[in-house]
C-alpha atoms as a PDB file:
ATOM      1  CA  MET A   1     110.758 139.716 125.131  1.00  0.00           C
ATOM      2  CA  THR A   2     107.591 139.730 123.109  1.00  0.00           C
ATOM      3  CA  LYS A   3     105.733 136.948 122.648  1.00  0.00           C
ATOM      4  CA  SER A   4     103.731 136.242 119.069  1.00  0.00           C
ATOM      5  CA  ALA A   5      99.937 136.248 119.267  1.00  0.00           C
ATOM      6  CA  THR A   6      99.807 133.369 116.785  1.00  0.00           C
ATOM      7  CA  SER A   7      99.226 129.899 118.409  1.00  0.00           C
ATOM      8  CA  PRO A   8     100.900 126.719 117.204  1.00  0.00           C
ATOM      9  CA  GLU A   9      97.498 125.257 116.319  1.00  0.00           C
ATOM     10  CA  LYS A  10      96.827 128.258 113.894  1.00  0.00           C
ATOM     11  CA  ILE A  11     100.459 127.921 112.643  1.00  0.00           C
ATOM     12  CA  SER A  12      99.805 124.227 111.899  1.00  0.00           C
ATOM     13  CA  LYS A  13      96.664 124.871 110.086  1.00  0.00           C
ATOM     14  CA  GLU A  14      98.252 127.761 108.171  1.00  0.00           C
ATOM     15  CA  ILE A  15     101.133 125.581 106.966  1.00  0.00           C
ATOM     16  CA  ALA A  16      98.907 122.594 106.019  1.00  0.00           C
ATOM     17  CA  ALA A  17      97.230 124.847 103.808  1.00  0.00           C
ATOM     18  CA  LEU A  18     100.656 125.762 101.802  1.00  0.00           C
ATOM     19  CA  SER A  19     101.365 124.113  98.798  1.00  0.00           C
ATOM     20  CA  PHE A  20     104.686 122.132  98.600  1.00  0.00           C
ATOM     21  CA  GLU A  21     106.126 124.861  96.777  1.00  0.00           C
ATOM     22  CA  ALA A  22     105.013 127.887  98.947  1.00  0.00           C
ATOM     23  CA  ALA A  23     106.131 125.814 102.135  1.00  0.00           C
ATOM     24  CA  MET A  24     109.509 125.263 100.215  1.00  0.00           C
ATOM     25  CA  LYS A  25     109.985 128.842  99.400  1.00  0.00           C
ATOM     26  CA  GLU A  26     109.375 130.356 102.773  1.00  0.00           C
ATOM     27  CA  LEU A  27     111.699 127.591 104.366  1.00  0.00           C
ATOM     28  CA  GLU A  28     114.371 128.546 102.045  1.00  0.00           C
ATOM     29  CA  ALA A  29     113.890 132.210 103.434  1.00  0.00           C
ATOM     30  CA  ILE A  30     114.099 131.172 106.972  1.00  0.00           C
ATOM     31  CA  VAL A  31     117.026 129.231 106.346  1.00  0.00           C
ATOM     32  CA  ARG A  32     118.752 132.322 104.621  1.00  0.00           C
ATOM     33  CA  ALA A  33     117.694 134.404 107.242  1.00  0.00           C
ATOM     34  CA  LEU A  34     119.057 132.175 110.167  1.00  0.00           C
ATOM     35  CA  GLU A  35     121.965 131.749 108.229  1.00  0.00           C
ATOM     36  CA  SER A  36     122.729 135.525 108.110  1.00  0.00           C
ATOM     37  CA  GLY A  37     122.825 135.472 111.948  1.00  0.00           C
ATOM     38  CA  ASN A  38     121.046 139.006 111.748  1.00  0.00           C
ATOM     39  CA  SER A  39     118.020 138.024 113.862  1.00  0.00           C
ATOM     40  CA  ASP A  40     117.878 138.592 117.329  1.00  0.00           C
ATOM     41  CA  LEU A  41     117.533 135.259 119.541  1.00  0.00           C
ATOM     42  CA  ASP A  42     113.695 135.189 119.996  1.00  0.00           C
ATOM     43  CA  LYS A  43     113.126 135.776 116.132  1.00  0.00           C
ATOM     44  CA  ALA A  44     115.636 133.098 115.480  1.00  0.00           C
ATOM     45  CA  ILE A  45     114.023 130.585 117.872  1.00  0.00           C
ATOM     46  CA  ALA A  46     110.589 131.439 116.679  1.00  0.00           C
ATOM     47  CA  ASP A  47     111.910 131.153 112.390  1.00  0.00           C
ATOM     48  CA  TYR A  48     113.495 127.994 113.423  1.00  0.00           C
ATOM     49  CA  GLN A  49     110.360 126.517 114.888  1.00  0.00           C
ATOM     50  CA  ARG A  50     108.381 127.597 111.852  1.00  0.00           C
ATOM     51  CA  GLY A  51     111.224 126.242 109.528  1.00  0.00           C
ATOM     52  CA  ASN A  52     110.923 122.951 111.300  1.00  0.00           C
ATOM     53  CA  ALA A  53     107.261 122.644 110.836  1.00  0.00           C
ATOM     54  CA  LEU A  54     107.647 123.744 107.168  1.00  0.00           C
ATOM     55  CA  LYS A  55     110.061 120.812 106.809  1.00  0.00           C
ATOM     56  CA  GLU A  56     107.644 118.448 108.045  1.00  0.00           C
ATOM     57  CA  HIS A  57     104.993 119.450 105.861  1.00  0.00           C
ATOM     58  CA  CYS A  58     107.265 119.314 102.594  1.00  0.00           C
ATOM     59  CA  LEU A  59     108.412 115.702 103.842  1.00  0.00           C
ATOM     60  CA  ALA A  60     104.734 114.774 104.222  1.00  0.00           C
ATOM     61  CA  LYS A  61     103.903 116.491 100.775  1.00  0.00           C
ATOM     62  CA  LEU A  62     106.670 114.303  99.270  1.00  0.00           C
ATOM     63  CA  ASN A  63     105.610 111.219 100.720  1.00  0.00           C
ATOM     64  CA  GLU A  64     102.098 111.578  99.646  1.00  0.00           C
ATOM     65  CA  ALA A  65     103.132 112.458  96.067  1.00  0.00           C
ATOM     66  CA  LYS A  66     105.245 109.332  96.003  1.00  0.00           C
ATOM     67  CA  LEU A  67     102.387 107.078  97.149  1.00  0.00           C
ATOM     68  CA  LYS A  68     100.268 108.701  94.192  1.00  0.00           C
ATOM     69  CA  VAL A  69     102.756 107.553  91.879  1.00  0.00           C
ATOM     70  CA  GLU A  70     103.776 104.107  93.103  1.00  0.00           C
ATOM     71  CA  GLN A  71     101.724 100.945  93.763  1.00  0.00           C
ATOM     72  CA  ILE A  72     102.206  98.852  96.709  1.00  0.00           C
ATOM     73  CA  GLN A  73     101.933  95.324  95.841  1.00  0.00           C
ATOM     74  CA  MET A  74     101.869  92.321  98.363  1.00  0.00           C
ATOM     75  CA  LYS A  75     103.263  88.900  96.881  1.00  0.00           C
ATOM     76  CA  ALA A  76     102.143  85.362  97.726  1.00  0.00           C
ATOM     77  CA  ASP A  77     105.126  84.886  99.703  1.00  0.00           C
ATOM     78  CA  GLY A  78     104.326  88.193 101.764  1.00  0.00           C
ATOM     79  CA  SER A  79     107.164  90.445 100.459  1.00  0.00           C
ATOM     80  CA  ILE A  80     106.037  93.829  99.621  1.00  0.00           C
ATOM     81  CA  THR A  81     107.173  95.417  96.329  1.00  0.00           C
ATOM     82  CA  THR A  82     106.270  98.781  94.587  1.00  0.00           C
ATOM     83  CA  THR A  83     105.728  99.586  91.075  1.00  0.00           C
ATOM     84  CA  GLU A  84     104.780 102.750  89.342  1.00  0.00           C
ATOM     85  CA  PHE A  85     101.461 103.880  89.322  1.00  0.00           C
ATOM     86  CA  ALA A  86      99.970 103.027  85.763  1.00  0.00           C
ATOM     87  CA  THR A  87      97.569 105.571  84.401  1.00  0.00           C
ATOM     88  CA  ALA A  88      94.338 104.750  82.675  1.00  0.00           C
ATOM     89  CA  ALA A  89      95.797 106.702  79.679  1.00  0.00           C
ATOM     90  CA  GLU A  90      98.750 104.081  79.366  1.00  0.00           C
END
């Protein structure tokens, strides 16, 4: 069994630097590879772990984008609502 020389910290930094689109493209490739069943067990486990990290990155990017397009407002009664973000051009 061979171990990868890439540390989890390095992978995290590498994934964090990816755009949403690049991470999603890589995640889709990993899913296709895992679904094919042609990888040995060690590679499949490593791919699954990277895929999970890519999924988390994509979810974080989507949440970040959502916050950019919504404003969170607290009403006088303490309830919270969200409204679409209004740009200066509107």
